[in-house]
Amino acid sequence: MDSSRGNSCGSTQIHNSGSDEDLMDQRKRKRMESNRKSARRSRMRKQKHLDDQMARINQLKNDNSQIFITMEVTTQQFVQIEAQNSVLRAQIGELSQRLDSLNEIINYMNNNNSSNDYATNHCTNGVNGMYEFEQTDFFNHPWNMMHLNQHPIMASASDVLQY
Protein backbone atom coordinates (compact mmCIF):
# COMPACT_ATOMS: atom_id res chain seq x y z
CA MET A 1 0.00 0.00 0.00
CA ASP A 2 2.81 2.25 0.66
CA SER A 3 3.81 1.80 -2.84
CA SER A 4 0.35 2.59 -4.05
CA ARG A 5 0.27 5.71 -1.93
CA GLY A 6 3.64 6.67 -3.24
CA ASN A 7 2.43 6.10 -6.75
CA SER A 8 -0.69 8.07 -6.21
CA CYS A 9 1.31 10.92 -4.73
CA GLY A 10 3.81 10.68 -7.49
CA SER A 11 1.13 10.68 -10.14
CA THR A 12 -0.54 13.75 -8.66
CA GLN A 13 2.79 15.49 -8.60
CA ILE A 14 3.38 14.54 -12.19
CA HIS A 15 -0.16 15.56 -13.03
CA ASN A 16 0.29 18.84 -11.17
CA SER A 17 3.61 19.52 -12.79
CA GLY A 18 2.08 18.68 -16.17
CA SER A 19 -0.71 21.16 -15.65
CA ASP A 20 1.85 23.75 -14.51
CA GLU A 21 3.79 23.14 -17.67
CA ASP A 22 0.60 23.44 -19.72
CA LEU A 23 -0.21 26.64 -17.91
CA MET A 24 3.33 27.93 -18.54
CA ASP A 25 3.09 26.89 -22.18
CA GLN A 26 -0.24 28.71 -22.53
CA ARG A 27 1.20 31.85 -20.91
CA LYS A 28 4.27 31.62 -23.13
CA ARG A 29 2.09 31.21 -26.24
CA LYS A 30 -0.12 34.14 -25.20
CA ARG A 31 2.95 36.29 -24.55
CA MET A 32 4.46 35.30 -27.91
CA GLU A 33 1.16 36.03 -29.67
CA SER A 34 0.88 39.35 -27.86
CA ASN A 35 4.46 40.21 -28.81
CA ARG A 36 3.76 39.31 -32.44
CA LYS A 37 0.65 41.51 -32.49
CA SER A 38 2.58 44.35 -30.85
CA ALA A 39 5.43 43.97 -33.35
CA ARG A 40 2.91 43.90 -36.24
CA ARG A 41 1.26 47.10 -34.92
CA SER A 42 4.67 48.71 -34.51
CA ARG A 43 5.65 47.79 -38.09
CA MET A 44 2.31 49.14 -39.34
CA ARG A 45 2.84 52.41 -37.44
CA LYS A 46 6.36 52.70 -38.85
CA GLN A 47 5.10 51.98 -42.39
CA LYS A 48 2.32 54.55 -42.00
CA HIS A 49 4.81 57.10 -40.71
CA LEU A 50 7.14 56.32 -43.63
CA ASP A 51 4.26 56.66 -46.12
CA ASP A 52 3.22 59.98 -44.55
CA GLN A 53 6.77 61.27 -44.75
CA MET A 54 7.10 60.19 -48.39
CA ALA A 55 3.84 61.98 -49.23
CA ARG A 56 5.12 65.09 -47.44
CA ILE A 57 8.40 64.89 -49.38
CA ASN A 58 6.50 64.68 -52.68
CA GLN A 59 4.29 67.63 -51.70
CA LEU A 60 7.32 69.72 -50.74
CA LYS A 61 9.04 68.80 -54.02
CA ASN A 62 5.95 69.96 -55.94
CA ASP A 63 5.82 73.18 -53.92
CA ASN A 64 9.52 73.74 -54.50
CA SER A 65 9.08 73.19 -58.23
CA GLN A 66 6.22 75.70 -58.37
CA ILE A 67 8.28 78.26 -56.45
CA PHE A 68 11.22 77.71 -58.80
CA ILE A 69 9.02 78.23 -61.87
CA THR A 70 7.56 81.39 -60.35
CA MET A 71 11.05 82.67 -59.62
CA GLU A 72 12.17 82.03 -63.20
CA VAL A 73 9.14 83.85 -64.63
CA THR A 74 9.63 86.76 -62.23
CA THR A 75 13.34 86.95 -63.08
CA GLN A 76 12.58 87.01 -66.82
CA GLN A 77 10.02 89.78 -66.28
CA PHE A 78 12.55 91.72 -64.20
CA VAL A 79 15.19 91.43 -66.93
CA GLN A 80 12.71 92.59 -69.58
CA ILE A 81 11.62 95.55 -67.47
CA GLU A 82 15.24 96.48 -66.76
CA ALA A 83 15.94 96.40 -70.51
CA GLN A 84 12.92 98.61 -71.17
CA ASN A 85 14.08 100.99 -68.44
CA SER A 86 17.52 101.19 -70.04
CA VAL A 87 15.96 102.03 -73.39
CA LEU A 88 13.80 104.69 -71.76
CA ARG A 89 16.82 106.12 -69.91
CA ALA A 90 18.71 106.36 -73.22
CA GLN A 91 15.72 108.08 -74.82
CA ILE A 92 15.50 110.49 -71.89
CA GLY A 93 19.17 111.34 -72.36
CA GLU A 94 18.68 111.90 -76.08
CA LEU A 95 15.57 114.02 -75.59
CA SER A 96 17.27 116.04 -72.86
CA GLN A 97 20.17 116.78 -75.19
CA ARG A 98 17.77 117.79 -77.95
CA LEU A 99 15.85 120.03 -75.57
CA ASP A 100 19.06 121.66 -74.36
CA SER A 101 20.15 122.22 -77.96
CA LEU A 102 16.78 123.71 -78.89
CA ASN A 103 16.86 125.96 -75.83
CA GLU A 104 20.34 127.14 -76.81
CA ILE A 105 19.12 127.86 -80.34
CA ILE A 106 16.17 129.81 -78.96
CA ASN A 107 18.45 131.75 -76.64
CA TYR A 108 20.85 132.42 -79.48
CA MET A 109 18.04 133.61 -81.73
CA ASN A 110 16.54 135.76 -78.96
CA ASN A 111 19.92 137.35 -78.25
CA ASN A 112 20.49 138.05 -81.94
CA ASN A 113 16.93 139.38 -82.39
CA SER A 114 17.32 141.84 -79.60
CA SER A 115 20.83 143.00 -80.57
CA ASN A 116 20.59 143.43 -84.34
CA ASP A 117 17.02 142.69 -85.39
CA TYR A 118 17.78 139.13 -86.63
CA ALA A 119 14.44 138.67 -88.40
CA THR A 120 14.83 141.65 -90.70
CA ASN A 121 18.54 141.20 -91.45
CA HIS A 122 18.62 137.45 -92.06
CA CYS A 123 15.10 136.41 -92.94
CA THR A 124 12.66 137.32 -95.63
CA ASN A 125 8.95 136.84 -95.30
CA GLY A 126 8.16 133.95 -97.60
CA VAL A 127 4.99 132.37 -98.88
CA ASN A 128 2.12 131.92 -96.38
CA GLY A 129 3.88 134.07 -93.76
CA MET A 130 6.74 131.63 -93.13
CA TYR A 131 10.26 132.94 -92.82
CA GLU A 132 12.94 131.90 -95.22
CA PHE A 133 16.48 132.22 -93.93
CA GLU A 134 19.22 133.43 -96.18
CA GLN A 135 21.46 130.51 -97.02
CA THR A 136 24.73 132.26 -96.30
CA ASP A 137 23.93 133.00 -92.65
CA PHE A 138 21.68 130.03 -91.89
CA PHE A 139 24.06 127.30 -93.04
CA ASN A 140 27.17 128.97 -91.59
CA HIS A 141 25.93 128.64 -88.00
CA PRO A 142 26.50 125.14 -86.53
CA TRP A 143 23.37 125.32 -84.35
CA ASN A 144 21.25 125.68 -87.44
CA MET A 145 22.66 122.44 -88.88
CA MET A 146 21.84 120.21 -85.90
CA HIS A 147 18.47 119.02 -87.19
CA LEU A 148 19.82 117.87 -90.55
CA ASN A 149 21.86 114.81 -89.46
CA GLN A 150 20.10 113.76 -86.28
CA HIS A 151 18.53 110.34 -86.05
CA PRO A 152 16.79 109.04 -82.98
CA ILE A 153 18.79 106.74 -80.76
CA MET A 154 17.10 103.39 -80.62
CA ALA A 155 18.28 100.69 -78.26
CA SER A 156 16.79 97.24 -78.15
CA ALA A 157 16.53 94.95 -75.17
CA SER A 158 19.10 92.59 -76.72
CA ASP A 159 21.63 95.45 -76.94
CA VAL A 160 21.13 96.25 -73.29
CA LEU A 161 21.31 92.62 -72.12
CA GLN A 162 24.81 92.19 -73.56
CA TYR A 163 26.27 94.27 -70.72
C-alpha atoms as a PDB file:
ATOM      1  CA  MET A   1       0.000   0.000   0.000  1.00  0.00           C
ATOM      2  CA  ASP A   2       2.806   2.255   0.662  1.00  0.00           C
ATOM      3  CA  SER A   3       3.811   1.795  -2.837  1.00  0.00           C
ATOM      4  CA  SER A   4       0.350   2.585  -4.050  1.00  0.00           C
ATOM      5  CA  ARG A   5       0.270   5.706  -1.932  1.00  0.00           C
ATOM      6  CA  GLY A   6       3.637   6.673  -3.245  1.00  0.00           C
ATOM      7  CA  ASN A   7       2.431   6.104  -6.755  1.00  0.00           C
ATOM      8  CA  SER A   8      -0.688   8.071  -6.207  1.00  0.00           C
ATOM      9  CA  CYS A   9       1.310  10.920  -4.727  1.00  0.00           C
ATOM     10  CA  GLY A  10       3.811  10.680  -7.488  1.00  0.00           C
ATOM     11  CA  SER A  11       1.127  10.677 -10.139  1.00  0.00           C
ATOM     12  CA  THR A  12      -0.544  13.745  -8.660  1.00  0.00           C
ATOM     13  CA  GLN A  13       2.791  15.491  -8.600  1.00  0.00           C
ATOM     14  CA  ILE A  14       3.376  14.539 -12.188  1.00  0.00           C
ATOM     15  CA  HIS A  15      -0.157  15.555 -13.028  1.00  0.00           C
ATOM     16  CA  ASN A  16       0.289  18.840 -11.171  1.00  0.00           C
ATOM     17  CA  SER A  17       3.612  19.517 -12.786  1.00  0.00           C
ATOM     18  CA  GLY A  18       2.081  18.676 -16.172  1.00  0.00           C
ATOM     19  CA  SER A  19      -0.708  21.160 -15.648  1.00  0.00           C
ATOM     20  CA  ASP A  20       1.848  23.745 -14.514  1.00  0.00           C
ATOM     21  CA  GLU A  21       3.788  23.141 -17.672  1.00  0.00           C
ATOM     22  CA  ASP A  22       0.605  23.442 -19.721  1.00  0.00           C
ATOM     23  CA  LEU A  23      -0.211  26.644 -17.912  1.00  0.00           C
ATOM     24  CA  MET A  24       3.332  27.930 -18.541  1.00  0.00           C
ATOM     25  CA  ASP A  25       3.086  26.894 -22.184  1.00  0.00           C
ATOM     26  CA  GLN A  26      -0.242  28.709 -22.529  1.00  0.00           C
ATOM     27  CA  ARG A  27       1.196  31.854 -20.911  1.00  0.00           C
ATOM     28  CA  LYS A  28       4.273  31.618 -23.126  1.00  0.00           C
ATOM     29  CA  ARG A  29       2.091  31.211 -26.237  1.00  0.00           C
ATOM     30  CA  LYS A  30      -0.116  34.141 -25.198  1.00  0.00           C
ATOM     31  CA  ARG A  31       2.950  36.287 -24.546  1.00  0.00           C
ATOM     32  CA  MET A  32       4.461  35.298 -27.908  1.00  0.00           C
ATOM     33  CA  GLU A  33       1.157  36.030 -29.669  1.00  0.00           C
ATOM     34  CA  SER A  34       0.879  39.352 -27.859  1.00  0.00           C
ATOM     35  CA  ASN A  35       4.459  40.207 -28.814  1.00  0.00           C
ATOM     36  CA  ARG A  36       3.760  39.306 -32.438  1.00  0.00           C
ATOM     37  CA  LYS A  37       0.649  41.512 -32.493  1.00  0.00           C
ATOM     38  CA  SER A  38       2.576  44.345 -30.847  1.00  0.00           C
ATOM     39  CA  ALA A  39       5.435  43.967 -33.348  1.00  0.00           C
ATOM     40  CA  ARG A  40       2.911  43.905 -36.238  1.00  0.00           C
ATOM     41  CA  ARG A  41       1.256  47.101 -34.919  1.00  0.00           C
ATOM     42  CA  SER A  42       4.674  48.706 -34.512  1.00  0.00           C
ATOM     43  CA  ARG A  43       5.652  47.787 -38.091  1.00  0.00           C
ATOM     44  CA  MET A  44       2.310  49.137 -39.339  1.00  0.00           C
ATOM     45  CA  ARG A  45       2.838  52.409 -37.441  1.00  0.00           C
ATOM     46  CA  LYS A  46       6.358  52.696 -38.849  1.00  0.00           C
ATOM     47  CA  GLN A  47       5.103  51.982 -42.388  1.00  0.00           C
ATOM     48  CA  LYS A  48       2.317  54.546 -42.002  1.00  0.00           C
ATOM     49  CA  HIS A  49       4.815  57.102 -40.707  1.00  0.00           C
ATOM     50  CA  LEU A  50       7.144  56.317 -43.627  1.00  0.00           C
ATOM     51  CA  ASP A  51       4.261  56.657 -46.123  1.00  0.00           C
ATOM     52  CA  ASP A  52       3.218  59.980 -44.545  1.00  0.00           C
ATOM     53  CA  GLN A  53       6.775  61.275 -44.745  1.00  0.00           C
ATOM     54  CA  MET A  54       7.103  60.194 -48.388  1.00  0.00           C
ATOM     55  CA  ALA A  55       3.836  61.977 -49.226  1.00  0.00           C
ATOM     56  CA  ARG A  56       5.123  65.086 -47.436  1.00  0.00           C
ATOM     57  CA  ILE A  57       8.401  64.892 -49.379  1.00  0.00           C
ATOM     58  CA  ASN A  58       6.502  64.677 -52.676  1.00  0.00           C
ATOM     59  CA  GLN A  59       4.289  67.629 -51.704  1.00  0.00           C
ATOM     60  CA  LEU A  60       7.323  69.715 -50.736  1.00  0.00           C
ATOM     61  CA  LYS A  61       9.044  68.801 -54.017  1.00  0.00           C
ATOM     62  CA  ASN A  62       5.953  69.955 -55.937  1.00  0.00           C
ATOM     63  CA  ASP A  63       5.816  73.184 -53.918  1.00  0.00           C
ATOM     64  CA  ASN A  64       9.522  73.743 -54.499  1.00  0.00           C
ATOM     65  CA  SER A  65       9.080  73.186 -58.231  1.00  0.00           C
ATOM     66  CA  GLN A  66       6.222  75.704 -58.375  1.00  0.00           C
ATOM     67  CA  ILE A  67       8.280  78.263 -56.452  1.00  0.00           C
ATOM     68  CA  PHE A  68      11.218  77.714 -58.795  1.00  0.00           C
ATOM     69  CA  ILE A  69       9.020  78.226 -61.874  1.00  0.00           C
ATOM     70  CA  THR A  70       7.556  81.388 -60.354  1.00  0.00           C
ATOM     71  CA  MET A  71      11.049  82.665 -59.617  1.00  0.00           C
ATOM     72  CA  GLU A  72      12.166  82.034 -63.200  1.00  0.00           C
ATOM     73  CA  VAL A  73       9.143  83.848 -64.632  1.00  0.00           C
ATOM     74  CA  THR A  74       9.629  86.758 -62.233  1.00  0.00           C
ATOM     75  CA  THR A  75      13.339  86.950 -63.079  1.00  0.00           C
ATOM     76  CA  GLN A  76      12.577  87.011 -66.819  1.00  0.00           C
ATOM     77  CA  GLN A  77      10.020  89.781 -66.282  1.00  0.00           C
ATOM     78  CA  PHE A  78      12.553  91.715 -64.203  1.00  0.00           C
ATOM     79  CA  VAL A  79      15.194  91.431 -66.933  1.00  0.00           C
ATOM     80  CA  GLN A  80      12.708  92.589 -69.575  1.00  0.00           C
ATOM     81  CA  ILE A  81      11.619  95.554 -67.471  1.00  0.00           C
ATOM     82  CA  GLU A  82      15.238  96.476 -66.762  1.00  0.00           C
ATOM     83  CA  ALA A  83      15.938  96.397 -70.511  1.00  0.00           C
ATOM     84  CA  GLN A  84      12.917  98.606 -71.167  1.00  0.00           C
ATOM     85  CA  ASN A  85      14.077 100.992 -68.435  1.00  0.00           C
ATOM     86  CA  SER A  86      17.524 101.186 -70.041  1.00  0.00           C
ATOM     87  CA  VAL A  87      15.961 102.028 -73.390  1.00  0.00           C
ATOM     88  CA  LEU A  88      13.804 104.687 -71.756  1.00  0.00           C
ATOM     89  CA  ARG A  89      16.820 106.119 -69.914  1.00  0.00           C
ATOM     90  CA  ALA A  90      18.709 106.357 -73.225  1.00  0.00           C
ATOM     91  CA  GLN A  91      15.719 108.080 -74.818  1.00  0.00           C
ATOM     92  CA  ILE A  92      15.495 110.492 -71.890  1.00  0.00           C
ATOM     93  CA  GLY A  93      19.170 111.340 -72.364  1.00  0.00           C
ATOM     94  CA  GLU A  94      18.683 111.901 -76.078  1.00  0.00           C
ATOM     95  CA  LEU A  95      15.575 114.019 -75.592  1.00  0.00           C
ATOM     96  CA  SER A  96      17.270 116.043 -72.856  1.00  0.00           C
ATOM     97  CA  GLN A  97      20.174 116.782 -75.194  1.00  0.00           C
ATOM     98  CA  ARG A  98      17.768 117.795 -77.955  1.00  0.00           C
ATOM     99  CA  LEU A  99      15.847 120.025 -75.566  1.00  0.00           C
ATOM    100  CA  ASP A 100      19.061 121.664 -74.359  1.00  0.00           C
ATOM    101  CA  SER A 101      20.148 122.224 -77.958  1.00  0.00           C
ATOM    102  CA  LEU A 102      16.782 123.714 -78.886  1.00  0.00           C
ATOM    103  CA  ASN A 103      16.856 125.964 -75.830  1.00  0.00           C
ATOM    104  CA  GLU A 104      20.337 127.136 -76.811  1.00  0.00           C
ATOM    105  CA  ILE A 105      19.121 127.857 -80.339  1.00  0.00           C
ATOM    106  CA  ILE A 106      16.172 129.806 -78.962  1.00  0.00           C
ATOM    107  CA  ASN A 107      18.451 131.750 -76.635  1.00  0.00           C
ATOM    108  CA  TYR A 108      20.855 132.422 -79.479  1.00  0.00           C
ATOM    109  CA  MET A 109      18.035 133.609 -81.727  1.00  0.00           C
ATOM    110  CA  ASN A 110      16.540 135.757 -78.955  1.00  0.00           C
ATOM    111  CA  ASN A 111      19.925 137.350 -78.247  1.00  0.00           C
ATOM    112  CA  ASN A 112      20.490 138.054 -81.941  1.00  0.00           C
ATOM    113  CA  ASN A 113      16.932 139.384 -82.387  1.00  0.00           C
ATOM    114  CA  SER A 114      17.316 141.836 -79.600  1.00  0.00           C
ATOM    115  CA  SER A 115      20.833 142.998 -80.569  1.00  0.00           C
ATOM    116  CA  ASN A 116      20.593 143.430 -84.342  1.00  0.00           C
ATOM    117  CA  ASP A 117      17.021 142.693 -85.394  1.00  0.00           C
ATOM    118  CA  TYR A 118      17.776 139.131 -86.625  1.00  0.00           C
ATOM    119  CA  ALA A 119      14.439 138.665 -88.402  1.00  0.00           C
ATOM    120  CA  THR A 120      14.829 141.653 -90.703  1.00  0.00           C
ATOM    121  CA  ASN A 121      18.536 141.199 -91.453  1.00  0.00           C
ATOM    122  CA  HIS A 122      18.619 137.453 -92.056  1.00  0.00           C
ATOM    123  CA  CYS A 123      15.099 136.405 -92.936  1.00  0.00           C
ATOM    124  CA  THR A 124      12.658 137.318 -95.626  1.00  0.00           C
ATOM    125  CA  ASN A 125       8.954 136.836 -95.295  1.00  0.00           C
ATOM    126  CA  GLY A 126       8.157 133.948 -97.597  1.00  0.00           C
ATOM    127  CA  VAL A 127       4.988 132.366 -98.879  1.00  0.00           C
ATOM    128  CA  ASN A 128       2.119 131.924 -96.378  1.00  0.00           C
ATOM    129  CA  GLY A 129       3.875 134.072 -93.760  1.00  0.00           C
ATOM    130  CA  MET A 130       6.739 131.631 -93.133  1.00  0.00           C
ATOM    131  CA  TYR A 131      10.256 132.940 -92.816  1.00  0.00           C
ATOM    132  CA  GLU A 132      12.942 131.904 -95.224  1.00  0.00           C
ATOM    133  CA  PHE A 133      16.484 132.216 -93.930  1.00  0.00           C
ATOM    134  CA  GLU A 134      19.222 133.427 -96.177  1.00  0.00           C
ATOM    135  CA  GLN A 135      21.462 130.509 -97.023  1.00  0.00           C
ATOM    136  CA  THR A 136      24.727 132.260 -96.300  1.00  0.00           C
ATOM    137  CA  ASP A 137      23.932 132.996 -92.652  1.00  0.00           C
ATOM    138  CA  PHE A 138      21.679 130.034 -91.888  1.00  0.00           C
ATOM    139  CA  PHE A 139      24.065 127.297 -93.042  1.00  0.00           C
ATOM    140  CA  ASN A 140      27.166 128.969 -91.586  1.00  0.00           C
ATOM    141  CA  HIS A 141      25.929 128.638 -88.002  1.00  0.00           C
ATOM    142  CA  PRO A 142      26.502 125.142 -86.531  1.00  0.00           C
ATOM    143  CA  TRP A 143      23.369 125.324 -84.350  1.00  0.00           C
ATOM    144  CA  ASN A 144      21.250 125.676 -87.444  1.00  0.00           C
ATOM    145  CA  MET A 145      22.658 122.440 -88.885  1.00  0.00           C
ATOM    146  CA  MET A 146      21.838 120.207 -85.897  1.00  0.00           C
ATOM    147  CA  HIS A 147      18.470 119.024 -87.186  1.00  0.00           C
ATOM    148  CA  LEU A 148      19.824 117.866 -90.552  1.00  0.00           C
ATOM    149  CA  ASN A 149      21.855 114.814 -89.457  1.00  0.00           C
ATOM    150  CA  GLN A 150      20.098 113.760 -86.285  1.00  0.00           C
ATOM    151  CA  HIS A 151      18.534 110.342 -86.050  1.00  0.00           C
ATOM    152  CA  PRO A 152      16.787 109.039 -82.976  1.00  0.00           C
ATOM    153  CA  ILE A 153      18.793 106.738 -80.758  1.00  0.00           C
ATOM    154  CA  MET A 154      17.099 103.392 -80.617  1.00  0.00           C
ATOM    155  CA  ALA A 155      18.275 100.688 -78.259  1.00  0.00           C
ATOM    156  CA  SER A 156      16.788  97.244 -78.149  1.00  0.00           C
ATOM    157  CA  ALA A 157      16.534  94.954 -75.170  1.00  0.00           C
ATOM    158  CA  SER A 158      19.100  92.594 -76.724  1.00  0.00           C
ATOM    159  CA  ASP A 159      21.633  95.449 -76.935  1.00  0.00           C
ATOM    160  CA  VAL A 160      21.128  96.247 -73.287  1.00  0.00           C
ATOM    161  CA  LEU A 161      21.308  92.617 -72.124  1.00  0.00           C
ATOM    162  CA  GLN A 162      24.805  92.191 -73.556  1.00  0.00           C
ATOM    163  CA  TYR A 163      26.272  94.271 -70.722  1.00  0.00           C
END
